[in-house]
Amino acid sequence: MSSTKKTRTSYKVVLLGDPRVGKTSIRRSYLGAVFEQDYNVTLGADFAVKRLPDNNNVLQIWDLAGQAVYKSVRSGYYKGAEGAILIYDITRPETFKNVAKWLDEMLSVSDQMIPLILVANKIDLKTDGSPFVSHKDGKNYADVLTNWSGFDVPYIESSAMTGENIDKIFQDLIGEIEVLKSTEQGN
C-alpha cells in the first residue's frame, strides 16, 4: 500500500505601500501579535513565515520598507514573489494615489504579473468630516487593476488595530495564487 505525501508549498508574498500605511502592523496582526501604536520603522525589509492552517503550506511574508532610500534594496525582494498586497492608508489620500507607483516599481524588476490584493487600511480611523479615500474609489481602482492585470484583484478594507479583515487579506491572496498555479499546471 503506497501513501501519497502532499508536497509542501511555500508562497512568497510582498507587502507594498508608502511609509506608515500599516504594512508592518498588518503582518504582525496576521501573525497574532498584539497591535502596537509605536514600533520601529522597517529598514529595508522584514521577513516572517506562517504555517497555513492546512499544515502543509507555508507563507513567506516580505514587509518592504516604504522609504525612497530603500528603493534599490526592495528590487531584490520582488524577485520570486507570487503575490503582492498593495496597501494604502484610508485617511491619507496621497498614499492611495501612490499605489500605482508601487505597482510600477515591482513590475520594473519582476518578470511577470502576479496576483494582487488592494487594501485600504486604518478604517478604524475614519471619522465623519475627516478626509478619507471612499470605498467607491478603492473598489473602482481594484476593478481597473483587475481589467489591466488579467487577475481578479480583490479590494479589502482593513484595520490592523482591530484585526478587521486581516486574515481575509491573506486568505484571498493565497486563493488567487492557487488559482494561478492550478491554471499553469493545467488542472
N, C-alpha and C. Protein backbone atom coordinates (compact mmCIF):
# COMPACT_ATOMS: atom_id res chain seq x y z
N MET A 1 0.86 -1.17 0.00
CA MET A 1 0.00 0.00 0.00
C MET A 1 0.90 1.23 0.00
N SER A 2 0.72 2.08 -0.99
CA SER A 2 1.55 3.28 -1.05
C SER A 2 0.78 4.47 -0.51
N SER A 3 1.52 5.32 0.17
CA SER A 3 0.90 6.54 0.69
C SER A 3 1.40 7.73 -0.10
N THR A 4 0.50 8.64 -0.33
CA THR A 4 0.89 9.84 -1.07
C THR A 4 1.07 10.96 -0.08
N LYS A 5 2.27 11.51 -0.12
CA LYS A 5 2.56 12.63 0.77
C LYS A 5 2.45 13.90 -0.04
N LYS A 6 1.63 14.82 0.46
CA LYS A 6 1.43 16.08 -0.23
C LYS A 6 2.70 16.92 -0.12
N THR A 7 3.10 17.49 -1.23
CA THR A 7 4.29 18.33 -1.27
C THR A 7 4.03 19.64 -0.54
N ARG A 8 5.02 20.07 0.22
CA ARG A 8 4.91 21.35 0.92
C ARG A 8 5.09 22.46 -0.10
N THR A 9 4.21 23.44 -0.02
CA THR A 9 4.28 24.60 -0.89
C THR A 9 4.59 25.82 -0.05
N SER A 10 5.47 26.65 -0.57
CA SER A 10 5.82 27.89 0.10
C SER A 10 5.44 29.04 -0.84
N TYR A 11 4.63 29.96 -0.35
CA TYR A 11 4.20 31.10 -1.13
C TYR A 11 4.97 32.35 -0.66
N LYS A 12 5.57 33.06 -1.59
CA LYS A 12 6.26 34.31 -1.25
C LYS A 12 5.36 35.47 -1.64
N VAL A 13 5.02 36.31 -0.64
CA VAL A 13 4.22 37.49 -0.91
C VAL A 13 4.95 38.73 -0.39
N VAL A 14 4.70 39.85 -1.05
CA VAL A 14 5.32 41.11 -0.64
C VAL A 14 4.22 42.10 -0.24
N LEU A 15 4.52 42.89 0.78
CA LEU A 15 3.63 43.96 1.24
C LEU A 15 4.22 45.27 0.74
N LEU A 16 3.43 46.04 -0.02
CA LEU A 16 3.91 47.26 -0.65
C LEU A 16 3.06 48.45 -0.27
N GLY A 17 3.70 49.60 -0.14
CA GLY A 17 2.96 50.84 0.12
C GLY A 17 3.86 51.87 0.75
N ASP A 18 3.36 53.08 0.81
CA ASP A 18 4.09 54.19 1.40
C ASP A 18 4.44 53.92 2.87
N PRO A 19 5.39 54.68 3.39
CA PRO A 19 5.69 54.56 4.83
C PRO A 19 4.44 54.85 5.67
N ARG A 20 4.29 54.12 6.76
CA ARG A 20 3.24 54.34 7.76
C ARG A 20 1.81 54.06 7.27
N VAL A 21 1.67 53.20 6.24
CA VAL A 21 0.32 52.81 5.83
C VAL A 21 -0.19 51.61 6.62
N GLY A 22 0.73 50.95 7.36
CA GLY A 22 0.32 49.82 8.20
C GLY A 22 0.80 48.47 7.73
N LYS A 23 1.80 48.43 6.85
CA LYS A 23 2.30 47.14 6.35
C LYS A 23 2.78 46.25 7.49
N THR A 24 3.61 46.81 8.35
CA THR A 24 4.15 46.04 9.47
C THR A 24 3.03 45.63 10.43
N SER A 25 2.12 46.53 10.70
CA SER A 25 1.01 46.21 11.61
C SER A 25 0.11 45.12 11.04
N ILE A 26 -0.13 45.16 9.74
CA ILE A 26 -0.93 44.10 9.11
C ILE A 26 -0.21 42.76 9.23
N ARG A 27 1.09 42.74 8.93
CA ARG A 27 1.86 41.49 9.04
C ARG A 27 1.84 40.98 10.47
N ARG A 28 2.10 41.86 11.42
CA ARG A 28 2.13 41.46 12.83
C ARG A 28 0.76 40.95 13.29
N SER A 29 -0.30 41.63 12.88
CA SER A 29 -1.65 41.21 13.27
C SER A 29 -1.96 39.82 12.69
N TYR A 30 -1.58 39.59 11.45
CA TYR A 30 -1.82 38.29 10.82
C TYR A 30 -1.07 37.18 11.55
N LEU A 31 0.08 37.51 12.08
CA LEU A 31 0.88 36.53 12.81
C LEU A 31 0.44 36.37 14.27
N GLY A 32 -0.56 37.15 14.68
CA GLY A 32 -1.11 37.00 16.03
C GLY A 32 -0.49 37.92 17.07
N ALA A 33 0.33 38.87 16.66
CA ALA A 33 0.95 39.79 17.61
C ALA A 33 -0.04 40.86 18.04
N VAL A 34 0.16 41.40 19.20
CA VAL A 34 -0.68 42.46 19.72
C VAL A 34 -0.33 43.77 19.00
N PHE A 35 -1.35 44.56 18.68
CA PHE A 35 -1.14 45.83 17.98
C PHE A 35 -0.35 46.79 18.87
N GLU A 36 0.60 47.46 18.26
CA GLU A 36 1.40 48.47 18.96
C GLU A 36 1.27 49.79 18.24
N GLN A 37 0.97 50.86 19.00
CA GLN A 37 0.87 52.19 18.40
C GLN A 37 2.24 52.63 17.87
N ASP A 38 3.27 52.38 18.66
CA ASP A 38 4.63 52.77 18.29
C ASP A 38 5.45 51.52 18.00
N TYR A 39 6.19 51.56 16.92
CA TYR A 39 7.06 50.45 16.57
C TYR A 39 8.23 51.01 15.79
N ASN A 40 9.25 50.20 15.62
CA ASN A 40 10.41 50.62 14.85
C ASN A 40 10.10 50.59 13.37
N VAL A 41 10.55 51.61 12.66
CA VAL A 41 10.36 51.68 11.22
C VAL A 41 11.12 50.53 10.56
N THR A 42 10.50 49.92 9.54
CA THR A 42 11.16 48.83 8.81
C THR A 42 12.33 49.39 8.03
N LEU A 43 13.48 48.78 8.20
CA LEU A 43 14.69 49.18 7.48
C LEU A 43 14.97 48.15 6.40
N GLY A 44 14.77 48.54 5.16
CA GLY A 44 14.99 47.61 4.04
C GLY A 44 13.82 46.67 3.86
N ALA A 45 13.79 45.61 4.64
CA ALA A 45 12.70 44.63 4.57
C ALA A 45 12.68 43.84 5.86
N ASP A 46 11.52 43.32 6.18
CA ASP A 46 11.37 42.42 7.31
C ASP A 46 10.70 41.17 6.77
N PHE A 47 10.98 40.06 7.39
CA PHE A 47 10.55 38.76 6.86
C PHE A 47 9.87 37.98 7.96
N ALA A 48 8.79 37.31 7.61
CA ALA A 48 8.10 36.44 8.56
C ALA A 48 7.57 35.22 7.80
N VAL A 49 7.38 34.15 8.54
CA VAL A 49 6.85 32.91 7.96
C VAL A 49 5.65 32.48 8.80
N LYS A 50 4.62 32.03 8.12
CA LYS A 50 3.46 31.49 8.82
C LYS A 50 3.05 30.18 8.17
N ARG A 51 2.93 29.15 8.99
CA ARG A 51 2.41 27.87 8.51
C ARG A 51 0.90 28.03 8.36
N LEU A 52 0.39 27.66 7.21
CA LEU A 52 -1.03 27.83 6.92
C LEU A 52 -1.84 26.74 7.61
N PRO A 53 -3.13 27.01 7.81
CA PRO A 53 -3.98 26.06 8.55
C PRO A 53 -4.00 24.64 7.99
N ASP A 54 -3.71 24.48 6.69
CA ASP A 54 -3.71 23.13 6.13
C ASP A 54 -2.50 22.32 6.60
N ASN A 55 -1.61 22.98 7.38
CA ASN A 55 -0.42 22.34 7.98
C ASN A 55 0.59 21.84 6.96
N ASN A 56 0.38 22.12 5.71
CA ASN A 56 1.32 21.65 4.71
C ASN A 56 1.98 22.78 3.93
N ASN A 57 1.36 23.95 3.95
CA ASN A 57 1.88 25.06 3.18
C ASN A 57 2.39 26.17 4.10
N VAL A 58 3.32 26.94 3.55
CA VAL A 58 3.96 28.00 4.33
C VAL A 58 3.85 29.30 3.55
N LEU A 59 3.58 30.37 4.26
CA LEU A 59 3.52 31.68 3.65
C LEU A 59 4.74 32.49 4.11
N GLN A 60 5.53 32.94 3.14
CA GLN A 60 6.66 33.84 3.42
C GLN A 60 6.17 35.25 3.17
N ILE A 61 6.23 36.09 4.18
CA ILE A 61 5.71 37.46 4.07
C ILE A 61 6.89 38.42 4.13
N TRP A 62 7.08 39.16 3.06
CA TRP A 62 8.15 40.15 2.97
C TRP A 62 7.54 41.54 3.09
N ASP A 63 7.83 42.19 4.20
CA ASP A 63 7.35 43.52 4.54
C ASP A 63 8.43 44.50 4.08
N LEU A 64 8.17 45.21 2.96
CA LEU A 64 9.19 46.06 2.36
C LEU A 64 9.06 47.50 2.84
N ALA A 65 10.19 48.09 3.23
CA ALA A 65 10.23 49.47 3.71
C ALA A 65 9.70 50.41 2.63
N GLY A 66 8.94 51.40 3.05
CA GLY A 66 8.33 52.31 2.10
C GLY A 66 9.14 53.54 1.76
N GLN A 67 10.22 53.79 2.49
CA GLN A 67 11.00 55.00 2.25
C GLN A 67 11.76 54.90 0.92
N ALA A 68 11.85 56.03 0.23
CA ALA A 68 12.50 56.08 -1.09
C ALA A 68 13.95 55.61 -1.04
N VAL A 69 14.63 55.85 0.05
CA VAL A 69 16.03 55.48 0.17
C VAL A 69 16.24 53.96 0.02
N TYR A 70 15.21 53.17 0.23
CA TYR A 70 15.33 51.71 0.15
C TYR A 70 14.89 51.14 -1.20
N LYS A 71 14.66 51.99 -2.19
CA LYS A 71 14.18 51.51 -3.48
C LYS A 71 15.11 50.46 -4.09
N SER A 72 16.41 50.69 -4.06
CA SER A 72 17.34 49.73 -4.66
C SER A 72 17.36 48.41 -3.88
N VAL A 73 17.15 48.48 -2.58
CA VAL A 73 17.11 47.27 -1.75
C VAL A 73 15.85 46.47 -2.06
N ARG A 74 14.72 47.18 -2.22
CA ARG A 74 13.44 46.50 -2.46
C ARG A 74 13.46 45.67 -3.74
N SER A 75 14.18 46.14 -4.75
CA SER A 75 14.14 45.47 -6.05
C SER A 75 14.49 43.99 -5.95
N GLY A 76 15.42 43.64 -5.09
CA GLY A 76 15.79 42.24 -4.93
C GLY A 76 14.70 41.38 -4.30
N TYR A 77 13.86 42.00 -3.48
CA TYR A 77 12.81 41.25 -2.79
C TYR A 77 11.60 40.96 -3.68
N TYR A 78 11.44 41.71 -4.75
CA TYR A 78 10.32 41.47 -5.66
C TYR A 78 10.50 40.17 -6.43
N LYS A 79 11.74 39.80 -6.69
CA LYS A 79 12.00 38.61 -7.49
C LYS A 79 11.48 37.36 -6.79
N GLY A 80 10.75 36.58 -7.53
CA GLY A 80 10.21 35.34 -6.99
C GLY A 80 8.91 35.50 -6.22
N ALA A 81 8.43 36.73 -6.08
CA ALA A 81 7.16 36.94 -5.37
C ALA A 81 6.03 36.33 -6.18
N GLU A 82 5.12 35.67 -5.48
CA GLU A 82 3.98 35.04 -6.14
C GLU A 82 2.69 35.80 -5.92
N GLY A 83 2.76 36.82 -5.07
CA GLY A 83 1.59 37.65 -4.80
C GLY A 83 2.03 38.93 -4.13
N ALA A 84 1.22 39.99 -4.29
CA ALA A 84 1.54 41.28 -3.69
C ALA A 84 0.30 41.88 -3.05
N ILE A 85 0.51 42.49 -1.90
CA ILE A 85 -0.55 43.22 -1.21
C ILE A 85 -0.20 44.69 -1.29
N LEU A 86 -1.02 45.45 -2.02
CA LEU A 86 -0.83 46.89 -2.20
C LEU A 86 -1.67 47.58 -1.13
N ILE A 87 -0.99 48.31 -0.24
CA ILE A 87 -1.66 48.87 0.93
C ILE A 87 -1.60 50.39 0.91
N TYR A 88 -2.72 51.01 1.24
CA TYR A 88 -2.73 52.46 1.45
C TYR A 88 -3.49 52.77 2.73
N ASP A 89 -3.25 53.96 3.26
CA ASP A 89 -3.89 54.44 4.47
C ASP A 89 -5.14 55.21 4.05
N ILE A 90 -6.30 54.73 4.43
CA ILE A 90 -7.56 55.32 4.00
C ILE A 90 -7.68 56.80 4.41
N THR A 91 -6.95 57.21 5.45
CA THR A 91 -7.03 58.59 5.94
C THR A 91 -6.00 59.51 5.29
N ARG A 92 -5.14 58.95 4.42
CA ARG A 92 -4.12 59.75 3.74
C ARG A 92 -4.23 59.52 2.23
N PRO A 93 -5.06 60.32 1.55
CA PRO A 93 -5.32 60.11 0.12
C PRO A 93 -4.06 60.04 -0.74
N GLU A 94 -2.98 60.71 -0.36
CA GLU A 94 -1.76 60.64 -1.17
C GLU A 94 -1.20 59.23 -1.22
N THR A 95 -1.43 58.43 -0.19
CA THR A 95 -0.94 57.05 -0.20
C THR A 95 -1.74 56.19 -1.19
N PHE A 96 -3.00 56.55 -1.39
CA PHE A 96 -3.83 55.88 -2.40
C PHE A 96 -3.31 56.23 -3.80
N LYS A 97 -3.01 57.50 -4.01
CA LYS A 97 -2.50 57.94 -5.32
C LYS A 97 -1.17 57.27 -5.65
N ASN A 98 -0.41 56.90 -4.64
CA ASN A 98 0.91 56.30 -4.85
C ASN A 98 0.88 54.79 -5.09
N VAL A 99 -0.28 54.15 -5.00
CA VAL A 99 -0.37 52.70 -5.21
C VAL A 99 0.17 52.33 -6.59
N ALA A 100 -0.17 53.12 -7.61
CA ALA A 100 0.31 52.84 -8.97
C ALA A 100 1.83 52.87 -9.04
N LYS A 101 2.44 53.77 -8.29
CA LYS A 101 3.91 53.87 -8.25
C LYS A 101 4.51 52.58 -7.69
N TRP A 102 3.88 52.04 -6.66
CA TRP A 102 4.39 50.79 -6.06
C TRP A 102 4.26 49.63 -7.03
N LEU A 103 3.16 49.58 -7.72
CA LEU A 103 2.97 48.51 -8.71
C LEU A 103 3.98 48.65 -9.84
N ASP A 104 4.19 49.86 -10.32
CA ASP A 104 5.19 50.10 -11.37
C ASP A 104 6.58 49.68 -10.92
N GLU A 105 6.93 50.03 -9.68
CA GLU A 105 8.25 49.67 -9.16
C GLU A 105 8.43 48.15 -9.15
N MET A 106 7.42 47.44 -8.67
CA MET A 106 7.51 45.98 -8.62
C MET A 106 7.63 45.40 -10.02
N LEU A 107 6.81 45.87 -10.94
CA LEU A 107 6.81 45.33 -12.29
C LEU A 107 8.08 45.67 -13.06
N SER A 108 8.78 46.72 -12.65
CA SER A 108 10.02 47.09 -13.35
C SER A 108 11.13 46.07 -13.12
N VAL A 109 11.02 45.27 -12.06
CA VAL A 109 12.06 44.26 -11.79
C VAL A 109 11.52 42.84 -11.80
N SER A 110 10.20 42.69 -11.90
CA SER A 110 9.60 41.36 -11.91
C SER A 110 9.46 40.88 -13.34
N ASP A 111 9.53 39.59 -13.51
CA ASP A 111 9.45 39.04 -14.86
C ASP A 111 8.02 38.71 -15.29
N GLN A 112 7.06 38.85 -14.39
CA GLN A 112 5.68 38.53 -14.75
C GLN A 112 4.69 39.19 -13.81
N MET A 113 3.46 39.30 -14.27
CA MET A 113 2.38 39.81 -13.43
C MET A 113 2.02 38.73 -12.42
N ILE A 114 1.70 39.13 -11.21
CA ILE A 114 1.33 38.20 -10.15
C ILE A 114 0.01 38.65 -9.53
N PRO A 115 -0.68 37.75 -8.83
CA PRO A 115 -1.92 38.13 -8.17
C PRO A 115 -1.70 39.28 -7.17
N LEU A 116 -2.70 40.16 -7.10
CA LEU A 116 -2.64 41.35 -6.26
C LEU A 116 -3.88 41.44 -5.38
N ILE A 117 -3.73 42.11 -4.25
CA ILE A 117 -4.85 42.49 -3.39
C ILE A 117 -4.67 43.98 -3.12
N LEU A 118 -5.73 44.76 -3.22
CA LEU A 118 -5.69 46.18 -2.88
C LEU A 118 -6.33 46.35 -1.51
N VAL A 119 -5.56 46.92 -0.58
CA VAL A 119 -6.01 47.04 0.81
C VAL A 119 -6.07 48.50 1.25
N ALA A 120 -7.25 48.89 1.71
CA ALA A 120 -7.46 50.20 2.34
C ALA A 120 -7.36 49.98 3.85
N ASN A 121 -6.25 50.34 4.44
CA ASN A 121 -6.02 50.08 5.86
C ASN A 121 -6.40 51.29 6.72
N LYS A 122 -6.53 51.03 7.99
CA LYS A 122 -6.82 52.03 9.03
C LYS A 122 -8.26 52.54 8.98
N ILE A 123 -9.19 51.63 8.63
CA ILE A 123 -10.59 52.05 8.58
C ILE A 123 -11.11 52.43 9.96
N ASP A 124 -10.43 51.99 11.01
CA ASP A 124 -10.82 52.37 12.36
C ASP A 124 -10.63 53.86 12.62
N LEU A 125 -9.84 54.54 11.78
CA LEU A 125 -9.58 55.97 11.96
C LEU A 125 -10.52 56.86 11.15
N LYS A 126 -11.38 56.24 10.36
CA LYS A 126 -12.31 57.01 9.52
C LYS A 126 -13.39 57.62 10.41
N THR A 127 -13.49 58.94 10.37
CA THR A 127 -14.50 59.64 11.16
C THR A 127 -15.26 60.59 10.25
N ASP A 128 -16.46 60.95 10.68
CA ASP A 128 -17.25 61.91 9.91
C ASP A 128 -16.50 63.23 9.83
N GLY A 129 -16.44 63.77 8.62
CA GLY A 129 -15.80 65.07 8.43
C GLY A 129 -14.32 65.02 8.15
N SER A 130 -13.67 63.88 8.42
CA SER A 130 -12.24 63.79 8.14
C SER A 130 -12.05 63.32 6.69
N PRO A 131 -10.97 63.78 6.03
CA PRO A 131 -10.75 63.33 4.66
C PRO A 131 -10.36 61.84 4.65
N PHE A 132 -10.93 61.11 3.73
CA PHE A 132 -10.56 59.71 3.58
C PHE A 132 -10.88 59.26 2.16
N VAL A 133 -10.23 58.18 1.75
CA VAL A 133 -10.48 57.61 0.42
C VAL A 133 -11.77 56.81 0.51
N SER A 134 -12.70 57.09 -0.37
CA SER A 134 -14.01 56.44 -0.31
C SER A 134 -13.92 54.97 -0.72
N HIS A 135 -14.88 54.21 -0.25
CA HIS A 135 -15.00 52.80 -0.64
C HIS A 135 -15.14 52.71 -2.16
N LYS A 136 -15.94 53.60 -2.73
CA LYS A 136 -16.17 53.59 -4.17
C LYS A 136 -14.86 53.79 -4.94
N ASP A 137 -14.02 54.75 -4.51
CA ASP A 137 -12.75 55.00 -5.20
C ASP A 137 -11.83 53.78 -5.11
N GLY A 138 -11.76 53.18 -3.93
CA GLY A 138 -10.92 52.00 -3.76
C GLY A 138 -11.41 50.84 -4.61
N LYS A 139 -12.70 50.59 -4.58
CA LYS A 139 -13.28 49.49 -5.36
C LYS A 139 -13.10 49.73 -6.85
N ASN A 140 -13.31 50.97 -7.29
CA ASN A 140 -13.12 51.29 -8.71
C ASN A 140 -11.68 51.03 -9.15
N TYR A 141 -10.72 51.39 -8.30
CA TYR A 141 -9.32 51.18 -8.67
C TYR A 141 -9.00 49.68 -8.72
N ALA A 142 -9.57 48.91 -7.79
CA ALA A 142 -9.38 47.45 -7.83
C ALA A 142 -9.95 46.88 -9.13
N ASP A 143 -11.08 47.42 -9.58
CA ASP A 143 -11.67 46.98 -10.86
C ASP A 143 -10.76 47.33 -12.02
N VAL A 144 -10.16 48.51 -11.99
CA VAL A 144 -9.20 48.91 -13.04
C VAL A 144 -8.02 47.95 -13.05
N LEU A 145 -7.50 47.62 -11.86
CA LEU A 145 -6.38 46.69 -11.77
C LEU A 145 -6.78 45.30 -12.27
N THR A 146 -8.00 44.88 -11.99
CA THR A 146 -8.50 43.58 -12.47
C THR A 146 -8.50 43.56 -14.00
N ASN A 147 -9.06 44.59 -14.61
CA ASN A 147 -9.13 44.65 -16.08
C ASN A 147 -7.73 44.72 -16.70
N TRP A 148 -6.84 45.45 -16.06
CA TRP A 148 -5.50 45.65 -16.59
C TRP A 148 -4.60 44.42 -16.42
N SER A 149 -4.69 43.78 -15.25
CA SER A 149 -3.75 42.70 -14.92
C SER A 149 -4.17 41.33 -15.44
N GLY A 150 -5.47 41.13 -15.65
CA GLY A 150 -5.95 39.82 -16.04
C GLY A 150 -6.23 38.92 -14.84
N PHE A 151 -5.99 39.42 -13.64
CA PHE A 151 -6.29 38.71 -12.39
C PHE A 151 -7.46 39.39 -11.71
N ASP A 152 -8.21 38.63 -10.93
CA ASP A 152 -9.20 39.24 -10.06
C ASP A 152 -8.42 39.93 -8.94
N VAL A 153 -8.58 41.24 -8.79
CA VAL A 153 -7.88 41.99 -7.74
C VAL A 153 -8.92 42.39 -6.69
N PRO A 154 -9.01 41.62 -5.61
CA PRO A 154 -9.95 41.96 -4.55
C PRO A 154 -9.59 43.28 -3.88
N TYR A 155 -10.62 44.00 -3.44
CA TYR A 155 -10.47 45.23 -2.67
C TYR A 155 -10.94 44.93 -1.26
N ILE A 156 -10.09 45.16 -0.27
CA ILE A 156 -10.43 44.84 1.11
C ILE A 156 -10.12 46.05 1.99
N GLU A 157 -11.08 46.43 2.82
CA GLU A 157 -10.86 47.47 3.82
C GLU A 157 -10.52 46.77 5.13
N SER A 158 -9.45 47.26 5.79
CA SER A 158 -8.97 46.56 6.98
C SER A 158 -8.58 47.51 8.09
N SER A 159 -8.39 46.93 9.25
CA SER A 159 -7.82 47.64 10.39
C SER A 159 -6.86 46.70 11.09
N ALA A 160 -5.58 47.04 11.03
CA ALA A 160 -4.60 46.23 11.74
C ALA A 160 -4.81 46.37 13.25
N MET A 161 -5.32 47.52 13.68
CA MET A 161 -5.52 47.74 15.10
C MET A 161 -6.61 46.82 15.67
N THR A 162 -7.74 46.71 14.95
CA THR A 162 -8.84 45.88 15.45
C THR A 162 -8.76 44.45 14.93
N GLY A 163 -7.97 44.24 13.88
CA GLY A 163 -7.87 42.92 13.27
C GLY A 163 -8.90 42.68 12.17
N GLU A 164 -9.74 43.68 11.91
CA GLU A 164 -10.80 43.53 10.92
C GLU A 164 -10.23 43.22 9.53
N ASN A 165 -10.65 42.10 8.98
CA ASN A 165 -10.32 41.62 7.63
C ASN A 165 -8.84 41.29 7.41
N ILE A 166 -8.05 41.23 8.43
CA ILE A 166 -6.62 40.91 8.26
C ILE A 166 -6.45 39.50 7.70
N ASP A 167 -7.10 38.51 8.29
CA ASP A 167 -6.98 37.14 7.77
C ASP A 167 -7.52 37.05 6.34
N LYS A 168 -8.58 37.79 6.05
CA LYS A 168 -9.19 37.77 4.71
C LYS A 168 -8.20 38.24 3.65
N ILE A 169 -7.39 39.23 3.96
CA ILE A 169 -6.39 39.72 3.01
C ILE A 169 -5.52 38.56 2.53
N PHE A 170 -4.96 37.83 3.47
CA PHE A 170 -4.03 36.75 3.14
C PHE A 170 -4.76 35.54 2.55
N GLN A 171 -5.95 35.22 3.06
CA GLN A 171 -6.71 34.10 2.50
C GLN A 171 -7.07 34.36 1.05
N ASP A 172 -7.52 35.57 0.75
CA ASP A 172 -7.88 35.90 -0.63
C ASP A 172 -6.67 35.84 -1.55
N LEU A 173 -5.54 36.36 -1.08
CA LEU A 173 -4.33 36.34 -1.91
C LEU A 173 -3.87 34.91 -2.16
N ILE A 174 -3.86 34.09 -1.13
CA ILE A 174 -3.47 32.68 -1.30
C ILE A 174 -4.41 32.00 -2.28
N GLY A 175 -5.69 32.29 -2.18
CA GLY A 175 -6.66 31.72 -3.12
C GLY A 175 -6.35 32.11 -4.56
N GLU A 176 -6.00 33.38 -4.79
CA GLU A 176 -5.65 33.84 -6.13
C GLU A 176 -4.36 33.17 -6.63
N ILE A 177 -3.39 33.01 -5.74
CA ILE A 177 -2.14 32.34 -6.12
C ILE A 177 -2.41 30.89 -6.51
N GLU A 178 -3.25 30.21 -5.71
CA GLU A 178 -3.56 28.81 -6.00
C GLU A 178 -4.33 28.66 -7.31
N VAL A 179 -5.21 29.60 -7.63
CA VAL A 179 -5.92 29.57 -8.92
C VAL A 179 -4.90 29.67 -10.05
N LEU A 180 -3.95 30.59 -9.93
CA LEU A 180 -2.92 30.75 -10.96
C LEU A 180 -2.09 29.48 -11.10
N LYS A 181 -1.65 28.91 -9.98
CA LYS A 181 -0.84 27.69 -10.03
C LYS A 181 -1.61 26.55 -10.68
N SER A 182 -2.88 26.43 -10.34
CA SER A 182 -3.72 25.38 -10.90
C SER A 182 -3.87 25.56 -12.42
N THR A 183 -4.05 26.80 -12.85
CA THR A 183 -4.17 27.10 -14.28
C THR A 183 -2.88 26.78 -15.01
N GLU A 184 -1.76 27.14 -14.40
CA GLU A 184 -0.45 26.88 -15.02
C GLU A 184 -0.19 25.39 -15.15
N GLN A 185 -0.70 24.60 -14.19
CA GLN A 185 -0.48 23.16 -14.22
C GLN A 185 -1.52 22.44 -15.08
N GLY A 186 -2.48 23.21 -15.60
CA GLY A 186 -3.49 22.63 -16.47
C GLY A 186 -4.57 21.87 -15.76
N ASN A 187 -4.73 22.13 -14.45
CA ASN A 187 -5.77 21.43 -13.69
C ASN A 187 -7.09 22.11 -13.81
